PDB file of N, CA and C in Angstrom:
ATOM      1  N   MET A   1      73.912  53.724 104.700  1.00  0.00           N
ATOM      2  CA  MET A   1      75.013  54.301 105.453  1.00  0.00           C
ATOM      3  C   MET A   1      76.226  54.547 104.554  1.00  0.00           C
ATOM      4  N   GLU A   2      76.492  53.620 103.684  1.00  0.00           N
ATOM      5  CA  GLU A   2      77.638  53.735 102.800  1.00  0.00           C
ATOM      6  C   GLU A   2      77.466  54.921 101.848  1.00  0.00           C
ATOM      7  N   ILE A   3      76.272  55.175 101.400  1.00  0.00           N
ATOM      8  CA  ILE A   3      75.989  56.291 100.508  1.00  0.00           C
ATOM      9  C   ILE A   3      76.258  57.611 101.222  1.00  0.00           C
ATOM     10  N   ASP A   4      75.851  57.708 102.479  1.00  0.00           N
ATOM     11  CA  ASP A   4      76.100  58.902 103.274  1.00  0.00           C
ATOM     12  C   ASP A   4      77.599  59.147 103.445  1.00  0.00           C
ATOM     13  N   GLU A   5      78.349  58.089 103.645  1.00  0.00           N
ATOM     14  CA  GLU A   5      79.803  58.214 103.797  1.00  0.00           C
ATOM     15  C   GLU A   5      80.435  58.711 102.495  1.00  0.00           C
ATOM     16  N   LYS A   6      79.976  58.183 101.361  1.00  0.00           N
ATOM     17  CA  LYS A   6      80.503  58.614 100.055  1.00  0.00           C
ATOM     18  C   LYS A   6      80.173  60.078  99.811  1.00  0.00           C
ATOM     19  N   LYS A   7      78.940  60.468 100.150  1.00  0.00           N
ATOM     20  CA  LYS A   7      78.544  61.861  99.985  1.00  0.00           C
ATOM     21  C   LYS A   7      79.385  62.764 100.874  1.00  0.00           C
ATOM     22  N   SER A   8      79.605  62.289 102.088  1.00  0.00           N
ATOM     23  CA  SER A   8      80.405  63.067 103.028  1.00  0.00           C
ATOM     24  C   SER A   8      81.841  63.234 102.522  1.00  0.00           C
ATOM     25  N   ILE A   9      82.399  62.153 102.008  1.00  0.00           N
ATOM     26  CA  ILE A   9      83.761  62.202 101.467  1.00  0.00           C
ATOM     27  C   ILE A   9      83.803  63.125 100.251  1.00  0.00           C
ATOM     28  N   GLN A  10      82.800  63.030  99.376  1.00  0.00           N
ATOM     29  CA  GLN A  10      82.751  63.888  98.192  1.00  0.00           C
ATOM     30  C   GLN A  10      82.595  65.355  98.593  1.00  0.00           C
ATOM     31  N   LEU A  11      81.762  65.622  99.583  1.00  0.00           N
ATOM     32  CA  LEU A  11      81.602  66.998 100.056  1.00  0.00           C
ATOM     33  C   LEU A  11      82.910  67.534 100.625  1.00  0.00           C
ATOM     34  N   GLU A  12      83.620  66.673 101.342  1.00  0.00           N
ATOM     35  CA  GLU A  12      84.907  67.075 101.902  1.00  0.00           C
ATOM     36  C   GLU A  12      85.907  67.390 100.790  1.00  0.00           C
ATOM     37  N   LYS A  13      85.906  66.567  99.741  1.00  0.00           N
ATOM     38  CA  LYS A  13      86.794  66.818  98.602  1.00  0.00           C
ATOM     39  C   LYS A  13      86.427  68.125  97.915  1.00  0.00           C
ATOM     40  N   ILE A  14      85.128  68.353  97.777  1.00  0.00           N
ATOM     41  CA  ILE A  14      84.669  69.591  97.145  1.00  0.00           C
ATOM     42  C   ILE A  14      85.088  70.802  97.975  1.00  0.00           C
ATOM     43  N   ARG A  15      84.950  70.707  99.288  1.00  0.00           N
ATOM     44  CA  ARG A  15      85.374  71.806 100.170  1.00  0.00           C
ATOM     45  C   ARG A  15      86.877  72.052 100.041  1.00  0.00           C
ATOM     46  N   ASP A  16      87.647  70.968 100.014  1.00  0.00           N
ATOM     47  CA  ASP A  16      89.101  71.097  99.858  1.00  0.00           C
ATOM     48  C   ASP A  16      89.447  71.765  98.527  1.00  0.00           C
ATOM     49  N   LEU A  17      88.757  71.341  97.470  1.00  0.00           N
ATOM     50  CA  LEU A  17      88.981  71.951  96.165  1.00  0.00           C
ATOM     51  C   LEU A  17      88.614  73.435  96.182  1.00  0.00           C
ATOM     52  N   GLN A  18      87.509  73.756  96.832  1.00  0.00           N
ATOM     53  CA  GLN A  18      87.069  75.144  96.916  1.00  0.00           C
ATOM     54  C   GLN A  18      88.090  75.982  97.688  1.00  0.00           C
ATOM     55  N   GLU A  19      88.576  75.461  98.799  1.00  0.00           N
ATOM     56  CA  GLU A  19      89.582  76.175  99.587  1.00  0.00           C
ATOM     57  C   GLU A  19      90.864  76.373  98.771  1.00  0.00           C
ATOM     58  N   SER A  20      91.254  75.335  98.050  1.00  0.00           N
ATOM     59  CA  SER A  20      92.443  75.404  97.206  1.00  0.00           C
ATOM     60  C   SER A  20      92.255  76.450  96.107  1.00  0.00           C
ATOM     61  N   PHE A  21      91.090  76.430  95.500  1.00  0.00           N
ATOM     62  CA  PHE A  21      90.781  77.397  94.455  1.00  0.00           C
ATOM     63  C   PHE A  21      90.796  78.819  95.016  1.00  0.00           C
ATOM     64  N   ASP A  22      90.157  79.021  96.158  1.00  0.00           N
ATOM     65  CA  ASP A  22      90.121  80.340  96.778  1.00  0.00           C
ATOM     66  C   ASP A  22      91.530  80.845  97.102  1.00  0.00           C
ATOM     67  N   LYS A  23      92.355  79.949  97.624  1.00  0.00           N
ATOM     68  CA  LYS A  23      93.732  80.320  97.949  1.00  0.00           C
ATOM     69  C   LYS A  23      94.492  80.700  96.680  1.00  0.00           C
ATOM     70  N   SER A  24      94.316  79.918  95.625  1.00  0.00           N
ATOM     71  CA  SER A  24      94.978  80.212  94.351  1.00  0.00           C
ATOM     72  C   SER A  24      94.511  81.552  93.794  1.00  0.00           C
ATOM     73  N   MET A  25      93.234  81.848  93.923  1.00  0.00           N
ATOM     74  CA  MET A  25      92.693  83.121  93.434  1.00  0.00           C
ATOM     75  C   MET A  25      93.273  84.291  94.224  1.00  0.00           C
ATOM     76  N   ARG A  26      93.400  84.144  95.540  1.00  0.00           N
ATOM     77  CA  ARG A  26      93.993  85.209  96.361  1.00  0.00           C
ATOM     78  C   ARG A  26      95.445  85.466  95.939  1.00  0.00           C
ATOM     79  N   ILE A  27      96.180  84.391  95.706  1.00  0.00           N
ATOM     80  CA  ILE A  27      97.577  84.521  95.279  1.00  0.00           C
ATOM     81  C   ILE A  27      97.633  85.207  93.914  1.00  0.00           C
ATOM     82  N   LEU A  28      96.769  84.790  93.002  1.00  0.00           N
ATOM     83  CA  LEU A  28      96.729  85.387  91.667  1.00  0.00           C
ATOM     84  C   LEU A  28      96.390  86.873  91.746  1.00  0.00           C
ATOM     85  N   GLU A  29      95.396  87.215  92.537  1.00  0.00           N
ATOM     86  CA  GLU A  29      95.015  88.620  92.703  1.00  0.00           C
ATOM     87  C   GLU A  29      96.178  89.433  93.271  1.00  0.00           C
ATOM     88  N   SER A  30      96.880  88.842  94.222  1.00  0.00           N
ATOM     89  CA  SER A  30      98.030  89.516  94.814  1.00  0.00           C
ATOM     90  C   SER A  30      99.118  89.749  93.769  1.00  0.00           C
ATOM     91  N   HIS A  31      99.378  88.759  92.940  1.00  0.00           N
ATOM     92  CA  HIS A  31     100.407  88.884  91.911  1.00  0.00           C
ATOM     93  C   HIS A  31     100.002  89.905  90.852  1.00  0.00           C
ATOM     94  N   ILE A  32      98.725  89.926  90.516  1.00  0.00           N
ATOM     95  CA  ILE A  32      98.247  90.913  89.543  1.00  0.00           C
ATOM     96  C   ILE A  32      98.416  92.326  90.106  1.00  0.00           C
ATOM     97  N   ALA A  33      98.023  92.504  91.362  1.00  0.00           N
ATOM     98  CA  ALA A  33      98.163  93.819  91.999  1.00  0.00           C
ATOM     99  C   ALA A  33      99.634  94.232  92.045  1.00  0.00           C
ATOM    100  N   GLU A  34     100.501  93.294  92.369  1.00  0.00           N
ATOM    101  CA  GLU A  34     101.940  93.584  92.427  1.00  0.00           C
ATOM    102  C   GLU A  34     102.466  93.956  91.041  1.00  0.00           C
ATOM    103  N   SER A  35     101.998  93.253  90.013  1.00  0.00           N
ATOM    104  CA  SER A  35     102.423  93.551  88.641  1.00  0.00           C
ATOM    105  C   SER A  35     101.988  94.950  88.223  1.00  0.00           C
ATOM    106  N   ILE A  36     100.769  95.310  88.572  1.00  0.00           N
ATOM    107  CA  ILE A  36     100.264  96.644  88.238  1.00  0.00           C
ATOM    108  C   ILE A  36     101.096  97.703  88.941  1.00  0.00           C
ATOM    109  N   THR A  37     101.385  97.466  90.220  1.00  0.00           N
ATOM    110  CA  THR A  37     102.205  98.415  90.986  1.00  0.00           C
ATOM    111  C   THR A  37     103.595  98.537  90.373  1.00  0.00           C
ATOM    112  N   ASN A  38     104.181  97.403  90.016  1.00  0.00           N
ATOM    113  CA  ASN A  38     105.521  97.433  89.410  1.00  0.00           C
ATOM    114  C   ASN A  38     105.509  98.162  88.076  1.00  0.00           C
ATOM    115  N   LYS A  39     104.459  97.960  87.284  1.00  0.00           N
ATOM    116  CA  LYS A  39     104.362  98.652  86.003  1.00  0.00           C
ATOM    117  C   LYS A  39     104.272 100.163  86.219  1.00  0.00           C
ATOM    118  N   GLU A  40     103.483 100.574  87.212  1.00  0.00           N
ATOM    119  CA  GLU A  40     103.367 101.999  87.510  1.00  0.00           C
ATOM    120  C   GLU A  40     104.709 102.569  87.971  1.00  0.00           C
ATOM    121  N   LYS A  41     105.425 101.808  88.790  1.00  0.00           N
ATOM    122  CA  LYS A  41     106.741 102.259  89.247  1.00  0.00           C
ATOM    123  C   LYS A  41     107.708 102.379  88.071  1.00  0.00           C
ATOM    124  N   LEU A  42     107.677 101.401  87.179  1.00  0.00           N
ATOM    125  CA  LEU A  42     108.558 101.442  86.007  1.00  0.00           C
ATOM    126  C   LEU A  42     108.233 102.641  85.118  1.00  0.00           C
ATOM    127  N   ASN A  43     106.956 102.912  84.936  1.00  0.00           N
ATOM    128  CA  ASN A  43     106.569 104.079  84.139  1.00  0.00           C
ATOM    129  C   ASN A  43     107.035 105.368  84.794  1.00  0.00           C
ATOM    130  N   SER A  44     106.947 105.423  86.109  1.00  0.00           N
ATOM    131  CA  SER A  44     107.413 106.602  86.845  1.00  0.00           C
ATOM    132  C   SER A  44     108.925 106.763  86.690  1.00  0.00           C
ATOM    133  N   ILE A  45     109.654 105.678  86.814  1.00  0.00           N
ATOM    134  CA  ILE A  45     111.111 105.717  86.648  1.00  0.00           C
ATOM    135  C   ILE A  45     111.463 106.145  85.219  1.00  0.00           C
ATOM    136  N   LYS A  46     110.717 105.625  84.251  1.00  0.00           N
ATOM    137  CA  LYS A  46     110.957 105.984  82.853  1.00  0.00           C
ATOM    138  C   LYS A  46     110.763 107.485  82.638  1.00  0.00           C
ATOM    139  N   ARG A  47     109.690 108.039  83.202  1.00  0.00           N
ATOM    140  CA  ARG A  47     109.451 109.488  83.092  1.00  0.00           C
ATOM    141  C   ARG A  47     110.577 110.274  83.755  1.00  0.00           C
ATOM    142  N   ASP A  48     110.985 109.831  84.940  1.00  0.00           N
ATOM    143  CA  ASP A  48     112.070 110.510  85.662  1.00  0.00           C
ATOM    144  C   ASP A  48     113.372 110.474  84.860  1.00  0.00           C
ATOM    145  N   LEU A  49     113.661 109.332  84.236  1.00  0.00           N
ATOM    146  CA  LEU A  49     114.882 109.217  83.435  1.00  0.00           C
ATOM    147  C   LEU A  49     114.822 110.123  82.208  1.00  0.00           C
ATOM    148  N   LYS A  50     113.648 110.217  81.587  1.00  0.00           N
ATOM    149  CA  LYS A  50     113.514 111.117  80.440  1.00  0.00           C
ATOM    150  C   LYS A  50     113.738 112.564  80.866  1.00  0.00           C
ATOM    151  N   ASP A  51     113.153 112.949  82.007  1.00  0.00           N
ATOM    152  CA  ASP A  51     113.344 114.310  82.524  1.00  0.00           C
ATOM    153  C   ASP A  51     114.813 114.565  82.840  1.00  0.00           C
ATOM    154  N   ALA A  52     115.444 113.605  83.500  1.00  0.00           N
ATOM    155  CA  ALA A  52     116.861 113.756  83.851  1.00  0.00           C
ATOM    156  C   ALA A  52     117.709 113.852  82.595  1.00  0.00           C
ATOM    157  N   ASN A  53     117.388 113.056  81.593  1.00  0.00           N
ATOM    158  CA  ASN A  53     118.135 113.099  80.339  1.00  0.00           C
ATOM    159  C   ASN A  53     117.981 114.457  79.667  1.00  0.00           C
ATOM    160  N   GLN A  54     116.776 114.988  79.666  1.00  0.00           N
ATOM    161  CA  GLN A  54     116.545 116.306  79.070  1.00  0.00           C
ATOM    162  C   GLN A  54     117.351 117.377  79.807  1.00  0.00           C
ATOM    163  N   LYS A  55     117.362 117.309  81.132  1.00  0.00           N
ATOM    164  CA  LYS A  55     118.130 118.274  81.913  1.00  0.00           C
ATOM    165  C   LYS A  55     119.628 118.126  81.648  1.00  0.00           C
ATOM    166  N   PHE A  56     120.080 116.897  81.485  1.00  0.00           N
ATOM    167  CA  PHE A  56     121.480 116.651  81.184  1.00  0.00           C
ATOM    168  C   PHE A  56     121.849 117.250  79.830  1.00  0.00           C
ATOM    169  N   ILE A  57     120.977 117.073  78.850  1.00  0.00           N
ATOM    170  CA  ILE A  57     121.221 117.634  77.512  1.00  0.00           C
ATOM    171  C   ILE A  57     121.295 119.159  77.593  1.00  0.00           C
ATOM    172  N   GLU A  58     120.381 119.761  78.365  1.00  0.00           N
ATOM    173  CA  GLU A  58     120.402 121.216  78.532  1.00  0.00           C
ATOM    174  C   GLU A  58     121.690 121.674  79.214  1.00  0.00           C
ATOM    175  N   ALA A  59     122.103 120.944  80.231  1.00  0.00           N
ATOM    176  CA  ALA A  59     123.340 121.297  80.941  1.00  0.00           C
ATOM    177  C   ALA A  59     124.537 121.161  80.012  1.00  0.00           C
ATOM    178  N   GLU A  60     124.525 120.131  79.183  1.00  0.00           N
ATOM    179  CA  GLU A  60     125.614 119.922  78.233  1.00  0.00           C
ATOM    180  C   GLU A  60     125.684 121.085  77.237  1.00  0.00           C
ATOM    181  N   LYS A  61     124.539 121.549  76.765  1.00  0.00           N
ATOM    182  CA  LYS A  61     124.501 122.697  75.851  1.00  0.00           C
ATOM    183  C   LYS A  61     125.045 123.951  76.537  1.00  0.00           C
ATOM    184  N   CYS A  62     124.642 124.146  77.785  1.00  0.00           N
ATOM    185  CA  CYS A  62     125.147 125.307  78.542  1.00  0.00           C
ATOM    186  C   CYS A  62     126.660 125.247  78.692  1.00  0.00           C
ATOM    187  N   LEU A  63     127.184 124.071  78.973  1.00  0.00           N
ATOM    188  CA  LEU A  63     128.636 123.914  79.108  1.00  0.00           C
ATOM    189  C   LEU A  63     129.340 124.179  77.782  1.00  0.00           C
ATOM    190  N   ASP A  64     128.739 123.696  76.689  1.00  0.00           N
ATOM    191  CA  ASP A  64     129.329 123.969  75.371  1.00  0.00           C
ATOM    192  C   ASP A  64     129.334 125.466  75.080  1.00  0.00           C
ATOM    193  N   ASP A  65     128.218 126.128  75.399  1.00  0.00           N
ATOM    194  CA  ASP A  65     128.148 127.586  75.195  1.00  0.00           C
ATOM    195  C   ASP A  65     129.188 128.298  76.054  1.00  0.00           C
ATOM    196  N   LEU A  66     129.335 127.861  77.287  1.00  0.00           N
ATOM    197  CA  LEU A  66     130.315 128.460  78.190  1.00  0.00           C
ATOM    198  C   LEU A  66     131.731 128.251  77.660  1.00  0.00           C
ATOM    199  N   LYS A  67     131.991 127.067  77.159  1.00  0.00           N
ATOM    200  CA  LYS A  67     133.309 126.755  76.598  1.00  0.00           C
ATOM    201  C   LYS A  67     133.599 127.676  75.413  1.00  0.00           C
ATOM    202  N   ILE A  68     132.611 127.864  74.561  1.00  0.00           N
ATOM    203  CA  ILE A  68     132.785 128.746  73.404  1.00  0.00           C
ATOM    204  C   ILE A  68     133.034 130.183  73.868  1.00  0.00           C
ATOM    205  N   ASP A  69     132.270 130.624  74.874  1.00  0.00           N
ATOM    206  CA  ASP A  69     132.467 131.984  75.416  1.00  0.00           C
ATOM    207  C   ASP A  69     133.873 132.146  75.976  1.00  0.00           C
ATOM    208  N   ILE A  70     134.335 131.153  76.697  1.00  0.00           N
ATOM    209  CA  ILE A  70     135.681 131.217  77.292  1.00  0.00           C
ATOM    210  C   ILE A  70     136.736 131.239  76.197  1.00  0.00           C
ATOM    211  N   GLU A  71     136.571 130.399  75.181  1.00  0.00           N
ATOM    212  CA  GLU A  71     137.541 130.357  74.072  1.00  0.00           C
ATOM    213  C   GLU A  71     137.558 131.701  73.331  1.00  0.00           C
ATOM    214  N   ASN A  72     136.376 132.270  73.143  1.00  0.00           N
ATOM    215  CA  ASN A  72     136.297 133.569  72.443  1.00  0.00           C
ATOM    216  C   ASN A  72     136.923 134.677  73.270  1.00  0.00           C
ATOM    217  N   THR A  73     136.781 134.595  74.590  1.00  0.00           N
ATOM    218  CA  THR A  73     137.342 135.615  75.473  1.00  0.00           C
ATOM    219  C   THR A  73     138.858 135.527  75.475  1.00  0.00           C
ATOM    220  N   ILE A  74     139.390 134.334  75.468  1.00  0.00           N
ATOM    221  CA  ILE A  74     140.839 134.136  75.510  1.00  0.00           C
ATOM    222  C   ILE A  74     141.461 134.612  74.201  1.00  0.00           C
ATOM    223  N   ILE A  75     140.804 134.377  73.094  1.00  0.00           N
ATOM    224  CA  ILE A  75     141.328 134.750  71.787  1.00  0.00           C
ATOM    225  C   ILE A  75     141.420 136.253  71.635  1.00  0.00           C
ATOM    226  N   LYS A  76     140.474 137.014  72.163  1.00  0.00           N
ATOM    227  CA  LYS A  76     140.467 138.477  72.016  1.00  0.00           C
ATOM    228  C   LYS A  76     141.537 139.072  72.808  1.00  0.00           C
TER     229      LYS A  76
END
């Protein structure tokens, strides 16, 4: 009888460990998925910032050209 009780207790501990492990794995998988999503979002933001920066540089060049045109017009 005592052996059966020990086996039962050990099986219960094993089940608890398995449940704990499964829960930890679910949490880990969730964190990995979240990290991947965040990395993709960061890459998207980085691309958007590069595009915005390029457009800003182009706009700045246009303004410089306009300024030069205005200065040349005033001088004549």
